[in-house]
Amino acid sequence: MVTNNERLWNADYWKVMTANFSMSFSFYLLTPLLPLYLSENFSATKDVIGLVLSGYTLTALLARPFSGYVADSFPRKKVLLASLFVYFLCFGTYLLASTLLLFAIVRTIHGAPFGAASVANSTMAIDVLPSSRRNEGIGYYGLSNNIATAIAPTVGIFVYRYSHNFDLLFWMAFAIAALGFFVNTTIQPRERQILKDKKAISLDRFFLVKGWMLALNMICFGLCYGVLSNYLAIYGKETMGITTGTGTFFLLLSLGLILSRLQGVKALRKGRLTHNAGEGIAISTLGYALFVLVPHEVGYYGSALLIGLGNGHMWPAFQNMMISIAHNNERGTANSTLLTSWDLGLGLGVLLGGFVVEFFDYTTAFWSIVAVHVVGLLLFFAATKKFFLLRMARKQEEISNP
């Protein structure tokens, strides 16, 4: 019989799930329409649009390592509420940005509270979960993001199609993000140990050094996804003749993420983290290979489902592994390390993918990410899996012999 202390779906867990959904939904509600907004309202060219929108990702990436340390060093709820408060307020400032320069400044600033809030909220989710249900709870937590990612762009496009009013979309994003903030004000987390006695300048304040191999593996997979997500539409159009299938591709990918998270919690509950991770990496590798081996609709849409299924197994497993080797007072740093590694991979994917496309072609770029994903697969089974098990053994020794 499950006691109240072991309940997975407790009130505070629902609240952090709701906040995560609201953050993701408000972000993806605007994402597909911001290029159109910048073009119509400020007559921005394609290269300028890319520059303006990239600022958000850059500041989110820069904020995350510091956010992990802050979340570990100060009362977590206060850190979470402060970052969520600034995050939802930024949506209101879009309405006040009357020039392209002002919009670029606001958009760039907005990335920092998003990076901080995503780290703090996911770490709060760990705090409110019973330790016996933590693995599966982390697996379910990602569903709130996956569901938002699947439906928010469609909702945004639908609202714009019938209203042609960007201000309405900004107000919607503002209200939905504010909901997450106000829901989280009622969280009552357990008291925890605050990070103390750290050196003034120390790498492990911002990066979980003991998890470096996991981070390296995650960079590989982030790089592959960065190339895929950024060059998918033009590759589909030029190579496969698919001009309107990008939305369906990401919908199927989101469906795969959701299904695999629901199916994978059984293995997570049993602590089979390396099993879930390895299975997910293998499925994703098949998906990337299918994408370039079968250059028509079957390969295009089939790969979306496989990549989603694979990443849905892989992500919660890696997150659980990273958190498992960290001490309780390093959870924020563990989360930020994983998220930063993925973001770094995404950025490298965009950058290196552009160079490969420039000097070769899109097909070569996508074959390159198949090769990188295979390297990531081999790295996991040859080194990362053993690395994790060794770190867990050392942690158990530390606990047994304090």
Protein backbone atom coordinates (compact mmCIF):
# COMPACT_ATOMS: atom_id res chain seq x y z
CA MET A 1 0.00 0.00 0.00
CA VAL A 2 1.33 3.47 -0.97
CA THR A 3 1.45 5.93 1.93
CA ASN A 4 0.80 9.66 1.59
CA ASN A 5 4.56 10.25 1.87
CA GLU A 6 5.14 7.98 -1.16
CA ARG A 7 2.44 9.43 -3.39
CA LEU A 8 3.84 10.29 -6.81
CA TRP A 9 1.00 12.58 -7.89
CA ASN A 10 0.99 14.79 -4.80
CA ALA A 11 -0.31 18.37 -4.88
CA ASP A 12 3.11 20.04 -5.12
CA TYR A 13 4.16 17.73 -7.97
CA TRP A 14 1.03 18.72 -9.91
CA LYS A 15 1.92 22.37 -9.34
CA VAL A 16 5.47 22.10 -10.74
CA MET A 17 4.09 20.11 -13.68
CA THR A 18 1.55 22.89 -14.31
CA ALA A 19 4.27 25.55 -14.12
CA ASN A 20 6.49 23.62 -16.54
CA PHE A 21 3.56 23.24 -18.95
CA SER A 22 2.80 26.97 -18.75
CA MET A 23 6.45 27.91 -19.41
CA SER A 24 6.71 25.63 -22.42
CA PHE A 25 3.27 26.52 -23.78
CA SER A 26 3.85 30.28 -23.58
CA PHE A 27 7.22 29.88 -25.31
CA TYR A 28 6.06 27.61 -28.15
CA LEU A 29 2.85 29.59 -28.65
CA LEU A 30 4.97 32.38 -30.13
CA THR A 31 7.93 30.50 -31.58
CA PRO A 32 6.55 29.73 -35.09
CA LEU A 33 5.10 33.23 -35.47
CA LEU A 34 7.90 35.51 -34.28
CA PRO A 35 9.74 35.46 -37.64
CA LEU A 36 6.48 36.60 -39.29
CA TYR A 37 5.99 39.28 -36.62
CA LEU A 38 9.48 40.68 -37.13
CA SER A 39 9.07 40.64 -40.89
CA GLU A 40 5.66 42.32 -40.94
CA ASN A 41 6.14 44.84 -38.13
CA PHE A 42 9.79 45.80 -38.57
CA SER A 43 10.52 44.67 -42.17
CA ALA A 44 13.37 42.55 -40.81
CA THR A 45 15.35 40.46 -43.28
CA LYS A 46 15.96 36.72 -42.78
CA ASP A 47 19.49 37.14 -41.45
CA VAL A 48 18.40 39.84 -39.01
CA ILE A 49 15.48 37.71 -37.83
CA GLY A 50 17.87 34.85 -37.11
CA LEU A 51 20.20 37.17 -35.21
CA VAL A 52 17.38 38.68 -33.12
CA LEU A 53 15.86 35.33 -32.18
CA SER A 54 19.19 33.64 -31.41
CA GLY A 55 19.80 36.03 -28.50
CA TYR A 56 17.18 34.19 -26.42
CA THR A 57 18.97 30.86 -26.78
CA LEU A 58 22.35 32.42 -26.00
CA THR A 59 21.28 34.02 -22.72
CA ALA A 60 19.36 30.88 -21.68
CA LEU A 61 22.53 28.87 -22.24
CA LEU A 62 24.66 31.35 -20.28
CA ALA A 63 22.18 31.54 -17.39
CA ARG A 64 21.77 27.83 -16.78
CA PRO A 65 25.14 27.00 -15.15
CA PHE A 66 24.75 29.93 -12.73
CA SER A 67 21.09 29.01 -12.13
CA GLY A 68 22.04 25.55 -10.91
CA TYR A 69 24.42 26.96 -8.33
CA VAL A 70 21.94 29.63 -7.20
CA ALA A 71 19.18 27.02 -6.88
CA ASP A 72 21.48 24.93 -4.66
CA SER A 73 22.83 27.85 -2.62
CA PHE A 74 19.63 29.74 -1.74
CA PRO A 75 16.06 28.80 -0.79
CA ARG A 76 14.83 27.01 -3.91
CA LYS A 77 11.29 28.35 -3.82
CA LYS A 78 12.47 31.97 -3.74
CA VAL A 79 14.84 31.38 -6.66
CA LEU A 80 12.07 29.66 -8.63
CA LEU A 81 9.47 32.37 -8.00
CA ALA A 82 11.91 35.18 -8.82
CA SER A 83 12.86 33.63 -12.17
CA LEU A 84 9.25 32.78 -13.05
CA PHE A 85 8.14 36.32 -12.16
CA VAL A 86 10.68 37.92 -14.50
CA TYR A 87 9.89 35.30 -17.16
CA PHE A 88 6.19 36.11 -17.38
CA LEU A 89 6.74 39.87 -17.12
CA CYS A 90 8.99 39.76 -20.18
CA PHE A 91 6.04 38.73 -22.35
CA GLY A 92 4.39 42.02 -21.44
CA THR A 93 7.45 43.99 -22.49
CA TYR A 94 7.12 42.62 -26.04
CA LEU A 95 4.04 44.82 -26.33
CA LEU A 96 6.14 47.86 -25.44
CA ALA A 97 8.98 47.14 -27.89
CA SER A 98 8.27 49.71 -30.59
CA THR A 99 11.51 49.23 -32.56
CA LEU A 100 13.47 46.23 -33.80
CA LEU A 101 16.38 47.11 -31.49
CA LEU A 102 14.11 47.21 -28.43
CA PHE A 103 12.52 43.91 -29.40
CA ALA A 104 15.97 42.33 -29.83
CA ILE A 105 17.02 43.57 -26.37
CA VAL A 106 13.83 42.28 -24.73
CA ARG A 107 14.03 38.94 -26.49
CA THR A 108 17.68 38.47 -25.52
CA ILE A 109 17.00 39.37 -21.87
CA HIS A 110 14.02 36.98 -21.83
CA GLY A 111 16.27 33.95 -22.33
CA ALA A 112 17.95 34.39 -18.93
CA PRO A 113 14.84 33.93 -16.72
CA PHE A 114 13.70 31.08 -18.96
CA GLY A 115 17.02 29.29 -18.45
CA ALA A 116 16.92 29.94 -14.71
CA ALA A 117 13.26 28.96 -14.29
CA SER A 118 13.63 25.72 -16.26
CA VAL A 119 16.50 24.64 -13.98
CA ALA A 120 14.82 25.74 -10.75
CA ASN A 121 11.44 24.22 -11.60
CA SER A 122 12.83 20.83 -12.65
CA THR A 123 14.93 20.77 -9.48
CA MET A 124 11.87 21.66 -7.39
CA ALA A 125 10.10 18.70 -9.01
CA ILE A 126 12.82 16.44 -7.58
CA ASP A 127 12.43 18.03 -4.14
CA VAL A 128 8.68 17.39 -3.94
CA LEU A 129 8.90 13.78 -5.16
CA PRO A 130 9.24 10.94 -2.65
CA SER A 131 12.67 9.36 -3.07
CA SER A 132 11.12 5.96 -3.81
CA ARG A 133 9.20 7.41 -6.80
CA ARG A 134 11.82 9.86 -8.08
CA ASN A 135 12.94 7.98 -11.19
CA GLU A 136 9.46 7.58 -12.62
CA GLY A 137 8.45 11.06 -11.43
CA ILE A 138 11.23 12.62 -13.49
CA GLY A 139 10.05 10.55 -16.45
CA TYR A 140 6.50 11.88 -16.13
CA TYR A 141 7.68 15.45 -15.51
CA GLY A 142 8.89 15.78 -19.09
CA LEU A 143 5.37 15.02 -20.36
CA SER A 144 4.27 18.53 -19.38
CA ASN A 145 6.86 19.95 -21.76
CA ASN A 146 6.17 17.40 -24.50
CA ILE A 147 2.41 18.03 -24.49
CA ALA A 148 2.91 21.79 -24.56
CA THR A 149 5.39 21.46 -27.43
CA ALA A 150 2.90 19.35 -29.37
CA ILE A 151 -0.12 21.66 -29.11
CA ALA A 152 1.12 25.22 -28.45
CA PRO A 153 2.39 26.00 -31.99
CA THR A 154 -0.90 24.77 -33.47
CA VAL A 155 -2.88 26.93 -31.04
CA GLY A 156 -0.72 29.97 -31.83
CA ILE A 157 -1.11 29.54 -35.60
CA PHE A 158 -4.88 28.97 -35.22
CA VAL A 159 -5.34 32.14 -33.12
CA TYR A 160 -3.30 34.23 -35.54
CA ARG A 161 -5.08 32.83 -38.58
CA TYR A 162 -8.45 34.00 -37.26
CA SER A 163 -7.40 37.18 -35.46
CA HIS A 164 -4.29 38.46 -37.29
CA ASN A 165 -3.47 40.09 -33.96
CA PHE A 166 0.00 39.62 -32.50
CA ASP A 167 -0.88 41.64 -29.41
CA LEU A 168 -3.50 39.02 -28.53
CA LEU A 169 -0.85 36.30 -28.76
CA PHE A 170 1.53 38.25 -26.53
CA TRP A 171 -1.23 38.74 -23.94
CA MET A 172 -2.07 35.02 -24.11
CA ALA A 173 1.58 34.09 -23.52
CA PHE A 174 1.75 36.60 -20.66
CA ALA A 175 -1.36 35.17 -18.96
CA ILE A 176 -0.34 31.52 -19.39
CA ALA A 177 3.18 32.14 -18.05
CA ALA A 178 1.72 34.12 -15.13
CA LEU A 179 -0.46 31.11 -14.29
CA GLY A 180 2.67 29.02 -13.72
CA PHE A 181 4.07 31.67 -11.38
CA PHE A 182 0.92 31.97 -9.26
CA VAL A 183 0.47 28.20 -9.05
CA ASN A 184 4.02 27.78 -7.76
CA THR A 185 3.53 30.44 -5.04
CA THR A 186 1.46 27.82 -3.18
CA ILE A 187 4.13 25.09 -3.21
CA GLN A 188 5.23 23.89 0.23
CA PRO A 189 8.57 22.11 -0.33
CA ARG A 190 10.35 20.15 2.37
CA GLU A 191 13.33 21.73 4.08
CA ARG A 192 16.60 20.79 2.45
CA GLN A 193 20.33 21.20 2.93
CA ILE A 194 21.73 24.43 1.46
CA LEU A 195 25.01 24.25 -0.45
CA LYS A 196 27.78 25.62 1.77
CA ASP A 197 31.53 25.80 2.14
CA LYS A 198 32.27 26.08 -1.57
CA LYS A 199 35.49 27.70 -2.75
CA ALA A 200 35.19 31.25 -4.06
CA ILE A 201 36.06 30.12 -7.58
CA SER A 202 35.33 26.48 -8.28
CA LEU A 203 34.19 24.75 -11.45
CA ASP A 204 31.84 22.44 -9.57
CA ARG A 205 29.82 25.46 -8.46
CA PHE A 206 28.46 25.64 -12.01
CA PHE A 207 29.14 22.23 -13.57
CA LEU A 208 28.75 18.75 -12.08
CA VAL A 209 32.30 17.61 -12.75
CA LYS A 210 31.57 14.04 -11.66
CA GLY A 211 29.02 13.82 -14.49
CA TRP A 212 31.29 15.03 -17.30
CA MET A 213 30.98 11.83 -19.36
CA LEU A 214 27.19 11.99 -19.28
CA ALA A 215 27.41 15.63 -20.36
CA LEU A 216 29.72 14.75 -23.27
CA ASN A 217 27.28 12.10 -24.45
CA MET A 218 24.40 14.57 -24.24
CA ILE A 219 26.32 17.12 -26.33
CA CYS A 220 26.52 14.51 -29.13
CA PHE A 221 22.77 13.98 -29.13
CA GLY A 222 21.99 17.70 -28.83
CA LEU A 223 24.22 18.39 -31.84
CA CYS A 224 22.26 15.91 -33.95
CA TYR A 225 18.93 17.39 -32.94
CA GLY A 226 20.22 20.91 -33.60
CA VAL A 227 20.98 20.06 -37.23
CA LEU A 228 17.68 18.22 -37.67
CA SER A 229 15.41 20.90 -36.19
CA ASN A 230 17.05 23.80 -38.02
CA TYR A 231 17.52 22.33 -41.49
CA LEU A 232 14.56 19.94 -41.60
CA ALA A 233 12.15 22.17 -43.54
CA ILE A 234 14.53 23.16 -46.34
CA TYR A 235 15.91 19.60 -46.67
CA GLY A 236 12.38 18.22 -46.90
CA LYS A 237 11.50 20.74 -49.57
CA GLU A 238 14.65 20.47 -51.71
CA THR A 239 15.35 16.74 -51.41
CA MET A 240 11.96 15.14 -50.75
CA GLY A 241 9.55 17.67 -52.25
CA ILE A 242 7.71 17.97 -48.91
CA THR A 243 6.66 21.59 -48.52
CA THR A 244 4.05 21.54 -45.75
CA GLY A 245 5.08 18.60 -43.59
CA THR A 246 7.24 20.28 -40.94
CA GLY A 247 4.35 20.72 -38.51
CA THR A 248 3.32 17.09 -38.91
CA PHE A 249 6.92 15.97 -38.41
CA PHE A 250 7.21 17.71 -35.04
CA LEU A 251 3.72 16.58 -34.02
CA LEU A 252 4.74 12.96 -34.63
CA LEU A 253 8.03 13.55 -32.83
CA SER A 254 6.12 14.94 -29.82
CA LEU A 255 3.75 11.96 -29.95
CA GLY A 256 6.76 9.63 -29.83
CA LEU A 257 8.16 11.52 -26.85
CA ILE A 258 4.88 11.25 -24.96
CA LEU A 259 4.34 7.55 -25.72
CA SER A 260 7.88 6.55 -24.78
CA ARG A 261 7.80 8.47 -21.51
CA LEU A 262 4.55 6.75 -20.56
CA GLN A 263 5.92 3.34 -21.52
CA GLY A 264 9.39 3.87 -20.07
CA VAL A 265 8.37 4.68 -16.49
CA LYS A 266 8.15 0.97 -15.65
CA ALA A 267 11.87 0.54 -16.30
CA LEU A 268 12.63 3.81 -14.49
CA ARG A 269 10.61 2.66 -11.49
CA LYS A 270 12.80 -0.45 -11.31
CA GLY A 271 15.95 1.66 -11.54
CA ARG A 272 16.91 0.39 -15.00
CA LEU A 273 18.39 3.71 -16.02
CA THR A 274 21.19 2.45 -18.28
CA HIS A 275 18.72 0.08 -19.97
CA ASN A 276 16.32 2.92 -20.79
CA ALA A 277 19.14 5.19 -21.94
CA GLY A 278 20.71 2.57 -24.20
CA GLU A 279 17.36 1.59 -25.69
CA GLY A 280 16.50 5.23 -26.38
CA ILE A 281 19.85 5.97 -28.02
CA ALA A 282 19.52 2.92 -30.28
CA ILE A 283 15.97 3.85 -31.38
CA SER A 284 16.99 7.46 -32.07
CA THR A 285 19.97 6.28 -34.12
CA LEU A 286 17.61 4.19 -36.26
CA GLY A 287 15.39 7.23 -36.68
CA TYR A 288 18.20 9.46 -37.93
CA ALA A 289 19.41 6.72 -40.27
CA LEU A 290 15.90 6.18 -41.66
CA PHE A 291 15.62 9.91 -42.34
CA VAL A 292 18.49 9.89 -44.86
CA LEU A 293 18.25 6.29 -46.11
CA VAL A 294 14.60 6.63 -47.17
CA PRO A 295 14.30 10.14 -48.69
CA HIS A 296 10.51 10.25 -49.11
CA GLU A 297 7.44 10.55 -46.89
CA VAL A 298 7.75 7.13 -45.25
CA GLY A 299 11.28 7.87 -44.08
CA TYR A 300 10.46 11.49 -43.26
CA TYR A 301 7.48 10.83 -40.99
CA GLY A 302 8.69 7.45 -39.73
CA SER A 303 11.94 8.98 -38.54
CA ALA A 304 10.01 11.62 -36.58
CA LEU A 305 8.21 8.97 -34.57
CA LEU A 306 11.38 6.95 -33.97
CA ILE A 307 13.45 9.95 -32.89
CA GLY A 308 10.66 10.98 -30.53
CA LEU A 309 10.40 7.47 -29.08
CA GLY A 310 14.16 7.30 -28.62
CA ASN A 311 14.58 10.72 -27.03
CA GLY A 312 11.61 10.06 -24.74
CA HIS A 313 13.44 7.04 -23.33
CA MET A 314 16.87 8.65 -23.31
CA TRP A 315 16.17 12.04 -21.72
CA PRO A 316 14.63 10.99 -18.37
CA ALA A 317 17.20 8.20 -18.05
CA PHE A 318 20.11 10.62 -18.48
CA GLN A 319 18.50 13.13 -16.13
CA ASN A 320 18.03 10.46 -13.48
CA MET A 321 21.62 9.27 -13.95
CA MET A 322 22.98 12.79 -13.57
CA ILE A 323 20.92 13.41 -10.44
CA SER A 324 21.75 9.99 -8.99
CA ILE A 325 25.50 10.61 -8.96
CA ALA A 326 25.04 14.08 -7.46
CA HIS A 327 24.62 14.73 -3.75
CA ASN A 328 21.27 16.04 -2.53
CA ASN A 329 22.66 19.58 -2.30
CA GLU A 330 23.86 19.45 -5.94
CA ARG A 331 20.55 18.75 -7.67
CA GLY A 332 20.32 22.19 -9.24
CA THR A 333 23.85 21.90 -10.59
CA ALA A 334 23.08 18.41 -11.93
CA ASN A 335 20.00 19.67 -13.78
CA SER A 336 21.76 22.71 -15.18
CA THR A 337 24.70 20.57 -16.34
CA LEU A 338 22.40 18.31 -18.34
CA LEU A 339 20.38 21.18 -19.85
CA THR A 340 23.52 23.19 -20.65
CA SER A 341 25.10 20.17 -22.36
CA TRP A 342 22.02 19.71 -24.55
CA ASP A 343 21.89 23.43 -25.38
CA LEU A 344 25.59 23.47 -26.21
CA GLY A 345 25.04 20.52 -28.55
CA LEU A 346 22.12 22.33 -30.20
CA GLY A 347 24.25 25.41 -30.78
CA LEU A 348 27.11 23.38 -32.23
CA GLY A 349 24.63 21.60 -34.47
CA VAL A 350 23.36 24.86 -35.93
CA LEU A 351 26.88 26.21 -36.40
CA LEU A 352 28.60 23.09 -37.79
CA GLY A 353 25.53 22.09 -39.80
CA GLY A 354 25.67 25.46 -41.54
CA PHE A 355 29.32 24.96 -42.46
CA VAL A 356 28.70 21.47 -43.85
CA VAL A 357 25.74 22.70 -45.89
CA GLU A 358 27.76 25.63 -47.19
CA PHE A 359 30.70 23.51 -48.37
CA PHE A 360 28.83 20.31 -49.28
CA ASP A 361 25.04 19.88 -49.19
CA TYR A 362 22.09 19.04 -46.92
CA THR A 363 22.36 15.30 -47.52
CA THR A 364 25.98 15.34 -46.31
CA ALA A 365 24.92 17.32 -43.23
CA PHE A 366 22.30 14.73 -42.31
CA TRP A 367 24.66 11.82 -42.95
CA SER A 368 27.10 13.59 -40.63
CA ILE A 369 24.61 13.59 -37.76
CA VAL A 370 23.91 9.90 -38.30
CA ALA A 371 27.66 9.35 -37.84
CA VAL A 372 27.73 11.55 -34.72
CA HIS A 373 24.75 9.69 -33.23
CA VAL A 374 26.49 6.36 -33.87
CA VAL A 375 29.57 7.74 -32.08
CA GLY A 376 27.31 8.73 -29.19
CA LEU A 377 25.81 5.23 -29.15
CA LEU A 378 29.24 3.59 -29.07
CA LEU A 379 30.47 6.03 -26.44
CA PHE A 380 27.54 5.18 -24.18
CA PHE A 381 27.97 1.41 -24.33
CA ALA A 382 31.79 1.49 -24.31
CA ALA A 383 32.37 4.12 -21.62
CA THR A 384 29.44 6.16 -20.28
CA LYS A 385 27.52 3.20 -18.88
CA LYS A 386 30.58 1.96 -16.95
CA PHE A 387 31.36 5.55 -15.91
CA PHE A 388 27.89 5.92 -14.37
CA LEU A 389 27.97 2.58 -12.56
CA LEU A 390 31.42 3.38 -11.13
CA ARG A 391 30.25 6.79 -9.91
CA MET A 392 27.23 5.18 -8.25
CA ALA A 393 29.45 2.63 -6.51
CA ARG A 394 31.67 5.44 -5.20
CA LYS A 395 28.67 7.36 -3.96
CA GLN A 396 27.41 4.30 -2.08
CA GLU A 397 30.84 3.94 -0.48
CA GLU A 398 30.75 7.58 0.62
CA ILE A 399 27.33 7.05 2.18
CA SER A 400 28.39 3.84 3.91
CA ASN A 401 31.69 5.32 5.15
CA PRO A 402 31.04 9.03 5.82
